[in-house]
Amino acid sequence: MVMAEGSDLSDTEFDELPEAVRDFRPRCPGCTAAKVAEFAARPCSFYDCPGLPAELEVTCDKCIFDFVADDGQVKCDHSTCPTAVRLKGNVETYKTWVRLVSTEAEMGA
């Protein structure tokens, strides 16, 4: 994949993403790459994107806490809850994926 000139996503970052993450694009009606890449984009009201790879999950399905936005109703200790620890670990992958999708939207892909 050739990244757009001026993009802050390097080929190395792209290559380091798991294949399922690199290949995933939203398929919900009305959801586009441009919508995902909007500043402060929030997940849909269902918080469940069909086919979303586990590496991109950043919202707790128990308390609907969004670890990217650091927003929601905390119902556990985020330093010890296994779900919270896993989801916090996905944040950088998610942000890199959003940059990838944003670059594609800018390129008109």
Protein backbone atom coordinates (compact mmCIF):
# COMPACT_ATOMS: atom_id res chain seq x y z
CA MET A 1 0.00 0.00 0.00
CA VAL A 2 1.27 3.48 -0.82
CA MET A 3 0.50 6.03 1.83
CA ALA A 4 -0.55 9.57 0.87
CA GLU A 5 2.28 12.06 0.79
CA GLY A 6 2.22 14.00 4.04
CA SER A 7 0.42 11.20 5.88
CA ASP A 8 1.67 10.56 9.38
CA LEU A 9 1.17 6.80 8.95
CA SER A 10 4.40 5.09 7.99
CA ASP A 11 4.70 1.91 5.97
CA THR A 12 6.19 0.29 9.07
CA GLU A 13 3.16 1.18 11.17
CA PHE A 14 0.91 -0.18 8.42
CA ASP A 15 2.90 -3.41 8.19
CA GLU A 16 2.82 -3.86 11.98
CA LEU A 17 -0.99 -3.81 12.09
CA PRO A 18 -2.53 -7.28 12.24
CA GLU A 19 -3.89 -8.31 8.85
CA ALA A 20 -7.47 -8.40 10.15
CA VAL A 21 -7.09 -4.75 11.24
CA ARG A 22 -5.45 -3.63 7.96
CA ASP A 23 -8.27 -5.22 5.95
CA PHE A 24 -11.23 -4.18 8.12
CA ARG A 25 -13.59 -1.48 6.88
CA PRO A 26 -16.99 -0.62 8.37
CA ARG A 27 -19.92 -2.21 6.54
CA CYS A 28 -22.87 -0.65 8.33
CA PRO A 29 -25.32 1.26 6.12
CA GLY A 30 -24.32 4.91 6.10
CA CYS A 31 -20.92 4.30 7.69
CA THR A 32 -18.03 5.28 5.46
CA ALA A 33 -14.28 5.64 5.82
CA ALA A 34 -14.76 9.42 5.89
CA LYS A 35 -17.25 9.12 8.76
CA VAL A 36 -14.92 6.88 10.76
CA ALA A 37 -12.07 9.35 10.21
CA GLU A 38 -14.04 12.40 11.39
CA PHE A 39 -12.51 14.20 14.33
CA ALA A 40 -13.93 12.81 17.58
CA ALA A 41 -15.92 10.16 15.71
CA ARG A 42 -17.91 8.02 18.11
CA PRO A 43 -19.05 4.46 17.64
CA CYS A 44 -22.63 3.86 16.60
CA SER A 45 -25.30 3.57 19.25
CA PHE A 46 -24.96 -0.21 19.25
CA TYR A 47 -21.21 -0.14 20.03
CA ASP A 48 -20.88 -3.25 17.90
CA CYS A 49 -19.53 -2.93 14.40
CA PRO A 50 -20.14 -6.17 12.45
CA GLY A 51 -16.90 -8.00 11.84
CA LEU A 52 -14.85 -5.69 14.08
CA PRO A 53 -11.54 -7.44 14.82
CA ALA A 54 -10.84 -7.97 18.53
CA GLU A 55 -7.73 -5.76 18.15
CA LEU A 56 -9.98 -2.76 17.39
CA GLU A 57 -12.33 -3.20 20.34
CA VAL A 58 -11.92 -0.15 22.60
CA THR A 59 -15.36 0.10 24.25
CA CYS A 60 -16.36 -2.08 27.20
CA ASP A 61 -19.56 -3.96 26.49
CA LYS A 62 -20.38 -4.05 30.22
CA CYS A 63 -20.12 -0.37 31.15
CA ILE A 64 -19.87 1.23 27.66
CA PHE A 65 -16.61 2.93 28.69
CA ASP A 66 -14.73 4.21 25.62
CA PHE A 67 -10.98 3.87 26.20
CA VAL A 68 -10.07 6.08 23.22
CA ALA A 69 -12.17 9.00 24.46
CA ASP A 70 -11.57 8.02 28.11
CA ASP A 71 -15.27 8.50 28.64
CA GLY A 72 -18.05 6.48 30.23
CA GLN A 73 -19.31 5.03 33.47
CA VAL A 74 -16.43 3.35 35.24
CA LYS A 75 -17.73 0.22 36.96
CA CYS A 76 -14.42 -1.51 37.61
CA ASP A 77 -10.80 -0.87 38.47
CA HIS A 78 -9.25 -0.26 35.05
CA SER A 79 -5.85 -1.31 36.34
CA THR A 80 -6.99 -4.80 37.35
CA CYS A 81 -10.08 -5.62 35.27
CA PRO A 82 -8.95 -8.04 32.52
CA THR A 83 -11.40 -6.52 30.01
CA ALA A 84 -10.24 -2.98 30.75
CA VAL A 85 -6.57 -3.96 30.49
CA ARG A 86 -7.20 -5.67 27.12
CA LEU A 87 -9.21 -2.74 25.73
CA LYS A 88 -6.66 -0.15 26.89
CA GLY A 89 -4.04 -2.23 25.09
CA ASN A 90 -6.02 -1.84 21.85
CA VAL A 91 -6.10 1.97 21.88
CA GLU A 92 -2.88 2.56 19.90
CA THR A 93 -3.86 -0.05 17.29
CA TYR A 94 -7.28 1.62 16.98
CA LYS A 95 -5.72 5.08 16.58
CA THR A 96 -3.33 3.78 13.92
CA TRP A 97 -6.25 2.13 12.08
CA VAL A 98 -8.22 5.40 12.18
CA ARG A 99 -5.20 7.18 10.65
CA LEU A 100 -5.10 4.49 7.94
CA VAL A 101 -8.81 4.91 7.17
CA SER A 102 -8.41 8.71 7.27
CA THR A 103 -5.59 8.56 4.75
CA GLU A 104 -7.69 6.37 2.46
CA ALA A 105 -10.59 8.82 2.73
CA GLU A 106 -8.27 11.70 1.82
CA MET A 107 -6.99 9.72 -1.18
CA GLY A 108 -10.54 8.94 -2.23
CA ALA A 109 -10.04 5.18 -1.84
